[in-house]
Amino acid sequence: MQTPDEIIHQPVRLKVMAAMNTLDAGKWLEFVALRAIVEATDGNLGAHLITLENAGYVLVKKDFAGRKPRTRVCLSAQGRTAFSRYVMALQAILAPLNPDASGFDDNQ
């Protein structure tokens, strides 16, 4: 049985990946919006984004909007594939291998 990806499995990183997966491929989300979605502090989210970026799951772009610094995040193709595999691994864990092995008797 396939095991869930350890990098994604951490709760904050799972929230990040799930949020980013809802966007169309190639779309960027601003750090402040992502921070609000995952309900993390700047430092906590930043640390998790570094882990995801090092794994190749997200792309991080730092630039300026006028004179104001801006950080944006995008789910990479590799990240989208990894998240899909993660979801499939969880589904495999949750799906009964044999309905008769559940221990439940429909006749009771």
PDB file of N, CA and C in Angstrom:
ATOM      1  N   MET A   1       0.853  -1.179   0.000  1.00  0.00           N
ATOM      2  CA  MET A   1       0.000   0.000   0.000  1.00  0.00           C
ATOM      3  C   MET A   1       0.899   1.242   0.000  1.00  0.00           C
ATOM      4  N   GLN A   2       0.516   2.204  -0.782  1.00  0.00           N
ATOM      5  CA  GLN A   2       1.266   3.460  -0.872  1.00  0.00           C
ATOM      6  C   GLN A   2       1.055   4.265   0.414  1.00  0.00           C
ATOM      7  N   THR A   3       2.133   4.848   0.931  1.00  0.00           N
ATOM      8  CA  THR A   3       2.012   5.675   2.135  1.00  0.00           C
ATOM      9  C   THR A   3       1.926   7.148   1.732  1.00  0.00           C
ATOM     10  N   PRO A   4       1.236   7.950   2.529  1.00  0.00           N
ATOM     11  CA  PRO A   4       1.126   9.378   2.216  1.00  0.00           C
ATOM     12  C   PRO A   4       2.491  10.070   2.249  1.00  0.00           C
ATOM     13  N   ASP A   5       2.659  11.038   1.406  1.00  0.00           N
ATOM     14  CA  ASP A   5       3.882  11.838   1.297  1.00  0.00           C
ATOM     15  C   ASP A   5       4.131  12.556   2.622  1.00  0.00           C
ATOM     16  N   GLU A   6       5.281  12.281   3.244  1.00  0.00           N
ATOM     17  CA  GLU A   6       5.625  12.873   4.540  1.00  0.00           C
ATOM     18  C   GLU A   6       5.721  14.394   4.475  1.00  0.00           C
ATOM     19  N   ILE A   7       6.160  14.930   3.350  1.00  0.00           N
ATOM     20  CA  ILE A   7       6.296  16.381   3.223  1.00  0.00           C
ATOM     21  C   ILE A   7       4.923  17.042   3.268  1.00  0.00           C
ATOM     22  N   ILE A   8       3.972  16.479   2.554  1.00  0.00           N
ATOM     23  CA  ILE A   8       2.620  17.058   2.485  1.00  0.00           C
ATOM     24  C   ILE A   8       1.829  16.782   3.755  1.00  0.00           C
ATOM     25  N   HIS A   9       2.095  15.667   4.410  1.00  0.00           N
ATOM     26  CA  HIS A   9       1.267  15.182   5.518  1.00  0.00           C
ATOM     27  C   HIS A   9       1.210  16.130   6.719  1.00  0.00           C
ATOM     28  N   GLN A  10       2.200  16.980   6.901  1.00  0.00           N
ATOM     29  CA  GLN A  10       2.198  17.926   8.019  1.00  0.00           C
ATOM     30  C   GLN A  10       0.991  18.858   7.858  1.00  0.00           C
ATOM     31  N   PRO A  11       0.220  19.127   8.920  1.00  0.00           N
ATOM     32  CA  PRO A  11      -1.047  19.864   8.780  1.00  0.00           C
ATOM     33  C   PRO A  11      -0.981  21.204   8.045  1.00  0.00           C
ATOM     34  N   VAL A  12      -0.030  22.056   8.353  1.00  0.00           N
ATOM     35  CA  VAL A  12       0.027  23.357   7.675  1.00  0.00           C
ATOM     36  C   VAL A  12       0.372  23.160   6.197  1.00  0.00           C
ATOM     37  N   ARG A  13       1.322  22.281   5.908  1.00  0.00           N
ATOM     38  CA  ARG A  13       1.685  22.046   4.509  1.00  0.00           C
ATOM     39  C   ARG A  13       0.533  21.402   3.746  1.00  0.00           C
ATOM     40  N   LEU A  14      -0.233  20.552   4.399  1.00  0.00           N
ATOM     41  CA  LEU A  14      -1.410  19.956   3.761  1.00  0.00           C
ATOM     42  C   LEU A  14      -2.424  21.047   3.413  1.00  0.00           C
ATOM     43  N   LYS A  15      -2.644  21.988   4.325  1.00  0.00           N
ATOM     44  CA  LYS A  15      -3.560  23.101   4.049  1.00  0.00           C
ATOM     45  C   LYS A  15      -3.051  23.944   2.880  1.00  0.00           C
ATOM     46  N   VAL A  16      -1.736  24.205   2.863  1.00  0.00           N
ATOM     47  CA  VAL A  16      -1.149  24.985   1.771  1.00  0.00           C
ATOM     48  C   VAL A  16      -1.382  24.272   0.450  1.00  0.00           C
ATOM     49  N   MET A  17      -1.060  22.985   0.406  1.00  0.00           N
ATOM     50  CA  MET A  17      -1.188  22.228  -0.843  1.00  0.00           C
ATOM     51  C   MET A  17      -2.649  22.146  -1.289  1.00  0.00           C
ATOM     52  N   ALA A  18      -3.555  21.935  -0.350  1.00  0.00           N
ATOM     53  CA  ALA A  18      -4.980  21.852  -0.696  1.00  0.00           C
ATOM     54  C   ALA A  18      -5.480  23.193  -1.228  1.00  0.00           C
ATOM     55  N   ALA A  19      -5.087  24.273  -0.580  1.00  0.00           N
ATOM     56  CA  ALA A  19      -5.507  25.606  -1.032  1.00  0.00           C
ATOM     57  C   ALA A  19      -4.954  25.904  -2.413  1.00  0.00           C
ATOM     58  N   MET A  20      -3.673  25.617  -2.613  1.00  0.00           N
ATOM     59  CA  MET A  20      -3.040  25.907  -3.897  1.00  0.00           C
ATOM     60  C   MET A  20      -3.610  25.023  -5.011  1.00  0.00           C
ATOM     61  N   ASN A  21      -4.004  23.812  -4.669  1.00  0.00           N
ATOM     62  CA  ASN A  21      -4.547  22.885  -5.663  1.00  0.00           C
ATOM     63  C   ASN A  21      -5.895  23.345  -6.208  1.00  0.00           C
ATOM     64  N   THR A  22      -6.586  24.209  -5.474  1.00  0.00           N
ATOM     65  CA  THR A  22      -7.882  24.711  -5.955  1.00  0.00           C
ATOM     66  C   THR A  22      -7.716  25.735  -7.080  1.00  0.00           C
ATOM     67  N   LEU A  23      -6.505  26.295  -7.201  1.00  0.00           N
ATOM     68  CA  LEU A  23      -6.243  27.294  -8.249  1.00  0.00           C
ATOM     69  C   LEU A  23      -5.939  26.608  -9.576  1.00  0.00           C
ATOM     70  N   ASP A  24      -6.215  27.294 -10.650  1.00  0.00           N
ATOM     71  CA  ASP A  24      -5.824  26.792 -11.964  1.00  0.00           C
ATOM     72  C   ASP A  24      -4.307  26.707 -12.042  1.00  0.00           C
ATOM     73  N   ALA A  25      -3.814  25.790 -12.854  1.00  0.00           N
ATOM     74  CA  ALA A  25      -2.371  25.632 -13.033  1.00  0.00           C
ATOM     75  C   ALA A  25      -1.754  26.961 -13.465  1.00  0.00           C
ATOM     76  N   GLY A  26      -0.625  27.295 -12.862  1.00  0.00           N
ATOM     77  CA  GLY A  26       0.085  28.516 -13.209  1.00  0.00           C
ATOM     78  C   GLY A  26      -0.414  29.771 -12.526  1.00  0.00           C
ATOM     79  N   LYS A  27      -1.447  29.653 -11.709  1.00  0.00           N
ATOM     80  CA  LYS A  27      -1.976  30.827 -10.996  1.00  0.00           C
ATOM     81  C   LYS A  27      -1.218  31.025  -9.680  1.00  0.00           C
ATOM     82  N   TRP A  28      -0.983  32.273  -9.344  1.00  0.00           N
ATOM     83  CA  TRP A  28      -0.236  32.647  -8.152  1.00  0.00           C
ATOM     84  C   TRP A  28      -1.184  33.167  -7.084  1.00  0.00           C
ATOM     85  N   LEU A  29      -0.846  32.890  -5.825  1.00  0.00           N
ATOM     86  CA  LEU A  29      -1.629  33.369  -4.689  1.00  0.00           C
ATOM     87  C   LEU A  29      -0.693  34.188  -3.799  1.00  0.00           C
ATOM     88  N   GLU A  30      -1.139  35.352  -3.386  1.00  0.00           N
ATOM     89  CA  GLU A  30      -0.307  36.191  -2.533  1.00  0.00           C
ATOM     90  C   GLU A  30      -0.167  35.569  -1.143  1.00  0.00           C
ATOM     91  N   PHE A  31       1.016  35.750  -0.581  1.00  0.00           N
ATOM     92  CA  PHE A  31       1.364  35.207   0.732  1.00  0.00           C
ATOM     93  C   PHE A  31       0.324  35.577   1.781  1.00  0.00           C
ATOM     94  N   VAL A  32      -0.098  36.836   1.807  1.00  0.00           N
ATOM     95  CA  VAL A  32      -1.045  37.282   2.842  1.00  0.00           C
ATOM     96  C   VAL A  32      -2.386  36.558   2.710  1.00  0.00           C
ATOM     97  N   ALA A  33      -2.817  36.286   1.497  1.00  0.00           N
ATOM     98  CA  ALA A  33      -4.066  35.542   1.295  1.00  0.00           C
ATOM     99  C   ALA A  33      -3.895  34.091   1.747  1.00  0.00           C
ATOM    100  N   LEU A  34      -2.769  33.490   1.389  1.00  0.00           N
ATOM    101  CA  LEU A  34      -2.497  32.106   1.789  1.00  0.00           C
ATOM    102  C   LEU A  34      -2.386  32.006   3.306  1.00  0.00           C
ATOM    103  N   ARG A  35      -1.733  32.985   3.920  1.00  0.00           N
ATOM    104  CA  ARG A  35      -1.596  33.003   5.380  1.00  0.00           C
ATOM    105  C   ARG A  35      -2.970  33.005   6.044  1.00  0.00           C
ATOM    106  N   ALA A  36      -3.900  33.779   5.505  1.00  0.00           N
ATOM    107  CA  ALA A  36      -5.257  33.836   6.066  1.00  0.00           C
ATOM    108  C   ALA A  36      -5.980  32.504   5.881  1.00  0.00           C
ATOM    109  N   ILE A  37      -5.781  31.875   4.747  1.00  0.00           N
ATOM    110  CA  ILE A  37      -6.440  30.595   4.466  1.00  0.00           C
ATOM    111  C   ILE A  37      -5.955  29.509   5.426  1.00  0.00           C
ATOM    112  N   VAL A  38      -4.653  29.406   5.615  1.00  0.00           N
ATOM    113  CA  VAL A  38      -4.096  28.325   6.440  1.00  0.00           C
ATOM    114  C   VAL A  38      -4.005  28.692   7.921  1.00  0.00           C
ATOM    115  N   GLU A  39      -4.304  29.957   8.241  1.00  0.00           N
ATOM    116  CA  GLU A  39      -4.309  30.440   9.618  1.00  0.00           C
ATOM    117  C   GLU A  39      -2.981  30.163  10.306  1.00  0.00           C
ATOM    118  N   ALA A  40      -1.903  30.667   9.700  1.00  0.00           N
ATOM    119  CA  ALA A  40      -0.555  30.502  10.238  1.00  0.00           C
ATOM    120  C   ALA A  40       0.086  31.877  10.413  1.00  0.00           C
ATOM    121  N   THR A  41       1.121  31.928  11.222  1.00  0.00           N
ATOM    122  CA  THR A  41       1.878  33.167  11.362  1.00  0.00           C
ATOM    123  C   THR A  41       2.791  33.323  10.142  1.00  0.00           C
ATOM    124  N   ASP A  42       3.312  34.510   9.950  1.00  0.00           N
ATOM    125  CA  ASP A  42       4.230  34.760   8.839  1.00  0.00           C
ATOM    126  C   ASP A  42       5.417  33.795   8.883  1.00  0.00           C
ATOM    127  N   GLY A  43       6.048  33.688  10.048  1.00  0.00           N
ATOM    128  CA  GLY A  43       7.227  32.845  10.184  1.00  0.00           C
ATOM    129  C   GLY A  43       6.928  31.372   9.980  1.00  0.00           C
ATOM    130  N   ASN A  44       5.813  30.918  10.533  1.00  0.00           N
ATOM    131  CA  ASN A  44       5.430  29.512  10.397  1.00  0.00           C
ATOM    132  C   ASN A  44       5.146  29.178   8.937  1.00  0.00           C
ATOM    133  N   LEU A  45       4.344  30.004   8.291  1.00  0.00           N
ATOM    134  CA  LEU A  45       4.036  29.770   6.884  1.00  0.00           C
ATOM    135  C   LEU A  45       5.300  29.845   6.034  1.00  0.00           C
ATOM    136  N   GLY A  46       6.139  30.824   6.307  1.00  0.00           N
ATOM    137  CA  GLY A  46       7.385  30.959   5.555  1.00  0.00           C
ATOM    138  C   GLY A  46       8.253  29.722   5.647  1.00  0.00           C
ATOM    139  N   ALA A  47       8.372  29.153   6.849  1.00  0.00           N
ATOM    140  CA  ALA A  47       9.175  27.943   7.040  1.00  0.00           C
ATOM    141  C   ALA A  47       8.594  26.765   6.261  1.00  0.00           C
ATOM    142  N   HIS A  48       7.281  26.627   6.282  1.00  0.00           N
ATOM    143  CA  HIS A  48       6.649  25.522   5.552  1.00  0.00           C
ATOM    144  C   HIS A  48       6.771  25.717   4.041  1.00  0.00           C
ATOM    145  N   LEU A  49       6.696  26.952   3.588  1.00  0.00           N
ATOM    146  CA  LEU A  49       6.870  27.208   2.153  1.00  0.00           C
ATOM    147  C   LEU A  49       8.286  26.867   1.701  1.00  0.00           C
ATOM    148  N   ILE A  50       9.272  27.110   2.560  1.00  0.00           N
ATOM    149  CA  ILE A  50      10.646  26.732   2.216  1.00  0.00           C
ATOM    150  C   ILE A  50      10.744  25.223   2.038  1.00  0.00           C
ATOM    151  N   THR A  51      10.125  24.463   2.923  1.00  0.00           N
ATOM    152  CA  THR A  51      10.129  22.997   2.807  1.00  0.00           C
ATOM    153  C   THR A  51       9.467  22.559   1.511  1.00  0.00           C
ATOM    154  N   LEU A  52       8.317  23.144   1.200  1.00  0.00           N
ATOM    155  CA  LEU A  52       7.602  22.789  -0.027  1.00  0.00           C
ATOM    156  C   LEU A  52       8.373  23.220  -1.269  1.00  0.00           C
ATOM    157  N   GLU A  53       9.015  24.374  -1.192  1.00  0.00           N
ATOM    158  CA  GLU A  53       9.807  24.861  -2.320  1.00  0.00           C
ATOM    159  C   GLU A  53      11.035  23.956  -2.539  1.00  0.00           C
ATOM    160  N   ASN A  54      11.703  23.559  -1.465  1.00  0.00           N
ATOM    161  CA  ASN A  54      12.865  22.671  -1.576  1.00  0.00           C
ATOM    162  C   ASN A  54      12.492  21.310  -2.160  1.00  0.00           C
ATOM    163  N   ALA A  55      11.252  20.879  -1.917  1.00  0.00           N
ATOM    164  CA  ALA A  55      10.765  19.618  -2.475  1.00  0.00           C
ATOM    165  C   ALA A  55      10.336  19.777  -3.936  1.00  0.00           C
ATOM    166  N   GLY A  56      10.252  21.021  -4.403  1.00  0.00           N
ATOM    167  CA  GLY A  56       9.818  21.274  -5.769  1.00  0.00           C
ATOM    168  C   GLY A  56       8.305  21.329  -5.933  1.00  0.00           C
ATOM    169  N   TYR A  57       7.584  21.420  -4.822  1.00  0.00           N
ATOM    170  CA  TYR A  57       6.126  21.389  -4.864  1.00  0.00           C
ATOM    171  C   TYR A  57       5.497  22.755  -5.108  1.00  0.00           C
ATOM    172  N   VAL A  58       6.177  23.816  -4.684  1.00  0.00           N
ATOM    173  CA  VAL A  58       5.672  25.165  -4.928  1.00  0.00           C
ATOM    174  C   VAL A  58       6.791  26.038  -5.486  1.00  0.00           C
ATOM    175  N   LEU A  59       6.371  27.095  -6.155  1.00  0.00           N
ATOM    176  CA  LEU A  59       7.285  28.122  -6.625  1.00  0.00           C
ATOM    177  C   LEU A  59       6.979  29.372  -5.819  1.00  0.00           C
ATOM    178  N   VAL A  60       8.009  30.074  -5.398  1.00  0.00           N
ATOM    179  CA  VAL A  60       7.829  31.295  -4.621  1.00  0.00           C
ATOM    180  C   VAL A  60       8.474  32.434  -5.394  1.00  0.00           C
ATOM    181  N   LYS A  61       7.712  33.491  -5.563  1.00  0.00           N
ATOM    182  CA  LYS A  61       8.198  34.665  -6.297  1.00  0.00           C
ATOM    183  C   LYS A  61       8.109  35.875  -5.384  1.00  0.00           C
ATOM    184  N   LYS A  62       9.231  36.569  -5.245  1.00  0.00           N
ATOM    185  CA  LYS A  62       9.269  37.797  -4.440  1.00  0.00           C
ATOM    186  C   LYS A  62       9.535  38.954  -5.393  1.00  0.00           C
ATOM    187  N   ASP A  63       8.662  39.949  -5.343  1.00  0.00           N
ATOM    188  CA  ASP A  63       8.824  41.126  -6.187  1.00  0.00           C
ATOM    189  C   ASP A  63       8.228  42.323  -5.462  1.00  0.00           C
ATOM    190  N   PHE A  64       7.978  43.365  -6.183  1.00  0.00           N
ATOM    191  CA  PHE A  64       7.403  44.571  -5.597  1.00  0.00           C
ATOM    192  C   PHE A  64       6.126  44.951  -6.342  1.00  0.00           C
ATOM    193  N   ALA A  65       5.138  45.381  -5.585  1.00  0.00           N
ATOM    194  CA  ALA A  65       3.930  45.969  -6.137  1.00  0.00           C
ATOM    195  C   ALA A  65       4.062  47.462  -5.825  1.00  0.00           C
ATOM    196  N   GLY A  66       4.539  48.199  -6.802  1.00  0.00           N
ATOM    197  CA  GLY A  66       4.913  49.583  -6.542  1.00  0.00           C
ATOM    198  C   GLY A  66       6.182  49.562  -5.698  1.00  0.00           C
ATOM    199  N   ARG A  67       6.112  50.121  -4.513  1.00  0.00           N
ATOM    200  CA  ARG A  67       7.264  50.107  -3.605  1.00  0.00           C
ATOM    201  C   ARG A  67       7.104  49.089  -2.480  1.00  0.00           C
ATOM    202  N   LYS A  68       6.019  48.376  -2.514  1.00  0.00           N
ATOM    203  CA  LYS A  68       5.714  47.445  -1.433  1.00  0.00           C
ATOM    204  C   LYS A  68       6.165  46.027  -1.809  1.00  0.00           C
ATOM    205  N   PRO A  69       6.942  45.352  -0.934  1.00  0.00           N
ATOM    206  CA  PRO A  69       7.358  43.983  -1.243  1.00  0.00           C
ATOM    207  C   PRO A  69       6.154  43.045  -1.273  1.00  0.00           C
ATOM    208  N   ARG A  70       6.247  42.073  -2.168  1.00  0.00           N
ATOM    209  CA  ARG A  70       5.136  41.130  -2.339  1.00  0.00           C
ATOM    210  C   ARG A  70       5.728  39.736  -2.548  1.00  0.00           C
ATOM    211  N   THR A  71       5.131  38.747  -1.875  1.00  0.00           N
ATOM    212  CA  THR A  71       5.512  37.346  -2.056  1.00  0.00           C
ATOM    213  C   THR A  71       4.293  36.604  -2.580  1.00  0.00           C
ATOM    214  N   ARG A  72       4.518  35.858  -3.635  1.00  0.00           N
ATOM    215  CA  ARG A  72       3.439  35.055  -4.216  1.00  0.00           C
ATOM    216  C   ARG A  72       3.886  33.605  -4.329  1.00  0.00           C
ATOM    217  N   VAL A  73       2.902  32.714  -4.302  1.00  0.00           N
ATOM    218  CA  VAL A  73       3.169  31.279  -4.322  1.00  0.00           C
ATOM    219  C   VAL A  73       2.336  30.644  -5.426  1.00  0.00           C
ATOM    220  N   CYS A  74       2.939  29.656  -6.103  1.00  0.00           N
ATOM    221  CA  CYS A  74       2.267  28.923  -7.169  1.00  0.00           C
ATOM    222  C   CYS A  74       2.558  27.439  -6.985  1.00  0.00           C
ATOM    223  N   LEU A  75       1.568  26.605  -7.164  1.00  0.00           N
ATOM    224  CA  LEU A  75       1.762  25.161  -7.105  1.00  0.00           C
ATOM    225  C   LEU A  75       2.444  24.714  -8.389  1.00  0.00           C
ATOM    226  N   SER A  76       3.567  24.021  -8.275  1.00  0.00           N
ATOM    227  CA  SER A  76       4.281  23.548  -9.464  1.00  0.00           C
ATOM    228  C   SER A  76       3.571  22.315 -10.034  1.00  0.00           C
ATOM    229  N   ALA A  77       3.925  21.948 -11.241  1.00  0.00           N
ATOM    230  CA  ALA A  77       3.372  20.726 -11.850  1.00  0.00           C
ATOM    231  C   ALA A  77       3.727  19.518 -10.984  1.00  0.00           C
ATOM    232  N   GLN A  78       4.951  19.496 -10.473  1.00  0.00           N
ATOM    233  CA  GLN A  78       5.383  18.411  -9.597  1.00  0.00           C
ATOM    234  C   GLN A  78       4.546  18.401  -8.315  1.00  0.00           C
ATOM    235  N   GLY A  79       4.255  19.577  -7.788  1.00  0.00           N
ATOM    236  CA  GLY A  79       3.436  19.683  -6.585  1.00  0.00           C
ATOM    237  C   GLY A  79       2.012  19.215  -6.814  1.00  0.00           C
ATOM    238  N   ARG A  80       1.466  19.562  -7.962  1.00  0.00           N
ATOM    239  CA  ARG A  80       0.105  19.130  -8.299  1.00  0.00           C
ATOM    240  C   ARG A  80       0.045  17.600  -8.385  1.00  0.00           C
ATOM    241  N   THR A  81       1.054  17.004  -9.006  1.00  0.00           N
ATOM    242  CA  THR A  81       1.128  15.545  -9.109  1.00  0.00           C
ATOM    243  C   THR A  81       1.299  14.920  -7.731  1.00  0.00           C
ATOM    244  N   ALA A  82       2.182  15.491  -6.914  1.00  0.00           N
ATOM    245  CA  ALA A  82       2.417  14.969  -5.564  1.00  0.00           C
ATOM    246  C   ALA A  82       1.142  15.044  -4.722  1.00  0.00           C
ATOM    247  N   PHE A  83       0.400  16.145  -4.851  1.00  0.00           N
ATOM    248  CA  PHE A  83      -0.837  16.277  -4.077  1.00  0.00           C
ATOM    249  C   PHE A  83      -1.862  15.251  -4.542  1.00  0.00           C
ATOM    250  N   SER A  84      -1.954  15.039  -5.836  1.00  0.00           N
ATOM    251  CA  SER A  84      -2.872  14.032  -6.372  1.00  0.00           C
ATOM    252  C   SER A  84      -2.513  12.639  -5.843  1.00  0.00           C
ATOM    253  N   ARG A  85      -1.233  12.327  -5.820  1.00  0.00           N
ATOM    254  CA  ARG A  85      -0.787  11.034  -5.280  1.00  0.00           C
ATOM    255  C   ARG A  85      -1.089  10.933  -3.789  1.00  0.00           C
ATOM    256  N   TYR A  86      -0.926  12.030  -3.078  1.00  0.00           N
ATOM    257  CA  TYR A  86      -1.224  12.055  -1.650  1.00  0.00           C
ATOM    258  C   TYR A  86      -2.701  11.727  -1.416  1.00  0.00           C
ATOM    259  N   VAL A  87      -3.567  12.377  -2.164  1.00  0.00           N
ATOM    260  CA  VAL A  87      -5.010  12.136  -2.029  1.00  0.00           C
ATOM    261  C   VAL A  87      -5.345  10.678  -2.368  1.00  0.00           C
ATOM    262  N   MET A  88      -4.734  10.150  -3.420  1.00  0.00           N
ATOM    263  CA  MET A  88      -4.975   8.752  -3.795  1.00  0.00           C
ATOM    264  C   MET A  88      -4.495   7.805  -2.701  1.00  0.00           C
ATOM    265  N   ALA A  89      -3.371   8.123  -2.063  1.00  0.00           N
ATOM    266  CA  ALA A  89      -2.869   7.281  -0.978  1.00  0.00           C
ATOM    267  C   ALA A  89      -3.839   7.280   0.196  1.00  0.00           C
ATOM    268  N   LEU A  90      -4.389   8.446   0.517  1.00  0.00           N
ATOM    269  CA  LEU A  90      -5.376   8.508   1.600  1.00  0.00           C
ATOM    270  C   LEU A  90      -6.641   7.739   1.240  1.00  0.00           C
ATOM    271  N   GLN A  91      -7.077   7.861  -0.005  1.00  0.00           N
ATOM    272  CA  GLN A  91      -8.262   7.123  -0.439  1.00  0.00           C
ATOM    273  C   GLN A  91      -8.036   5.624  -0.355  1.00  0.00           C
ATOM    274  N   ALA A  92      -6.839   5.177  -0.691  1.00  0.00           N
ATOM    275  CA  ALA A  92      -6.518   3.751  -0.618  1.00  0.00           C
ATOM    276  C   ALA A  92      -6.547   3.263   0.829  1.00  0.00           C
ATOM    277  N   ILE A  93      -6.096   4.104   1.744  1.00  0.00           N
ATOM    278  CA  ILE A  93      -6.123   3.738   3.160  1.00  0.00           C
ATOM    279  C   ILE A  93      -7.559   3.643   3.664  1.00  0.00           C
ATOM    280  N   LEU A  94      -8.402   4.574   3.203  1.00  0.00           N
ATOM    281  CA  LEU A  94      -9.774   4.635   3.691  1.00  0.00           C
ATOM    282  C   LEU A  94     -10.719   3.653   3.010  1.00  0.00           C
ATOM    283  N   ALA A  95     -10.393   3.252   1.795  1.00  0.00           N
ATOM    284  CA  ALA A  95     -11.262   2.346   1.048  1.00  0.00           C
ATOM    285  C   ALA A  95     -11.115   0.927   1.597  1.00  0.00           C
ATOM    286  N   PRO A  96     -12.226   0.262   1.815  1.00  0.00           N
ATOM    287  CA  PRO A  96     -12.120  -1.126   2.288  1.00  0.00           C
ATOM    288  C   PRO A  96     -11.546  -2.009   1.179  1.00  0.00           C
ATOM    289  N   LEU A  97     -10.591  -2.847   1.555  1.00  0.00           N
ATOM    290  CA  LEU A  97     -10.009  -3.769   0.588  1.00  0.00           C
ATOM    291  C   LEU A  97     -11.000  -4.861   0.219  1.00  0.00           C
ATOM    292  N   ASN A  98     -11.808  -5.247   1.204  1.00  0.00           N
ATOM    293  CA  ASN A  98     -12.801  -6.294   0.993  1.00  0.00           C
ATOM    294  C   ASN A  98     -14.017  -5.936   1.837  1.00  0.00           C
ATOM    295  N   PRO A  99     -15.135  -5.621   1.211  1.00  0.00           N
ATOM    296  CA  PRO A  99     -16.317  -5.207   1.987  1.00  0.00           C
ATOM    297  C   PRO A  99     -16.745  -6.236   3.023  1.00  0.00           C
ATOM    298  N   ASP A 100     -16.518  -7.511   2.772  1.00  0.00           N
ATOM    299  CA  ASP A 100     -16.915  -8.554   3.717  1.00  0.00           C
ATOM    300  C   ASP A 100     -15.996  -8.609   4.930  1.00  0.00           C
ATOM    301  N   ALA A 101     -14.855  -7.963   4.872  1.00  0.00           N
ATOM    302  CA  ALA A 101     -13.877  -7.994   5.959  1.00  0.00           C
ATOM    303  C   ALA A 101     -14.079  -6.838   6.929  1.00  0.00           C
ATOM    304  N   SER A 102     -15.140  -6.081   6.784  1.00  0.00           N
ATOM    305  CA  SER A 102     -15.338  -4.896   7.620  1.00  0.00           C
ATOM    306  C   SER A 102     -15.693  -5.248   9.055  1.00  0.00           C
ATOM    307  N   GLY A 103     -16.154  -6.480   9.286  1.00  0.00           N
ATOM    308  CA  GLY A 103     -16.562  -6.862  10.623  1.00  0.00           C
ATOM    309  C   GLY A 103     -18.013  -6.548  10.920  1.00  0.00           C
ATOM    310  N   PHE A 104     -18.696  -5.927   9.963  1.00  0.00           N
ATOM    311  CA  PHE A 104     -20.101  -5.603  10.144  1.00  0.00           C
ATOM    312  C   PHE A 104     -20.951  -6.660   9.459  1.00  0.00           C
ATOM    313  N   ASP A 105     -22.004  -7.028  10.113  1.00  0.00           N
ATOM    314  CA  ASP A 105     -22.935  -8.004   9.561  1.00  0.00           C
ATOM    315  C   ASP A 105     -24.201  -7.246   9.209  1.00  0.00           C
ATOM    316  N   ASP A 106     -24.538  -7.193   7.909  1.00  0.00           N
ATOM    317  CA  ASP A 106     -25.737  -6.484   7.483  1.00  0.00           C
ATOM    318  C   ASP A 106     -27.018  -7.082   8.032  1.00  0.00           C
ATOM    319  N   ASN A 107     -26.959  -8.325   8.494  1.00  0.00           N
ATOM    320  CA  ASN A 107     -28.149  -9.011   8.986  1.00  0.00           C
ATOM    321  C   ASN A 107     -28.429  -8.737  10.455  1.00  0.00           C
ATOM    322  N   GLN A 108     -27.582  -7.969  11.119  1.00  0.00           N
ATOM    323  CA  GLN A 108     -27.811  -7.694  12.548  1.00  0.00           C
ATOM    324  C   GLN A 108     -28.650  -6.472  12.727  1.00  0.00           C
TER     325      GLN A 108
END
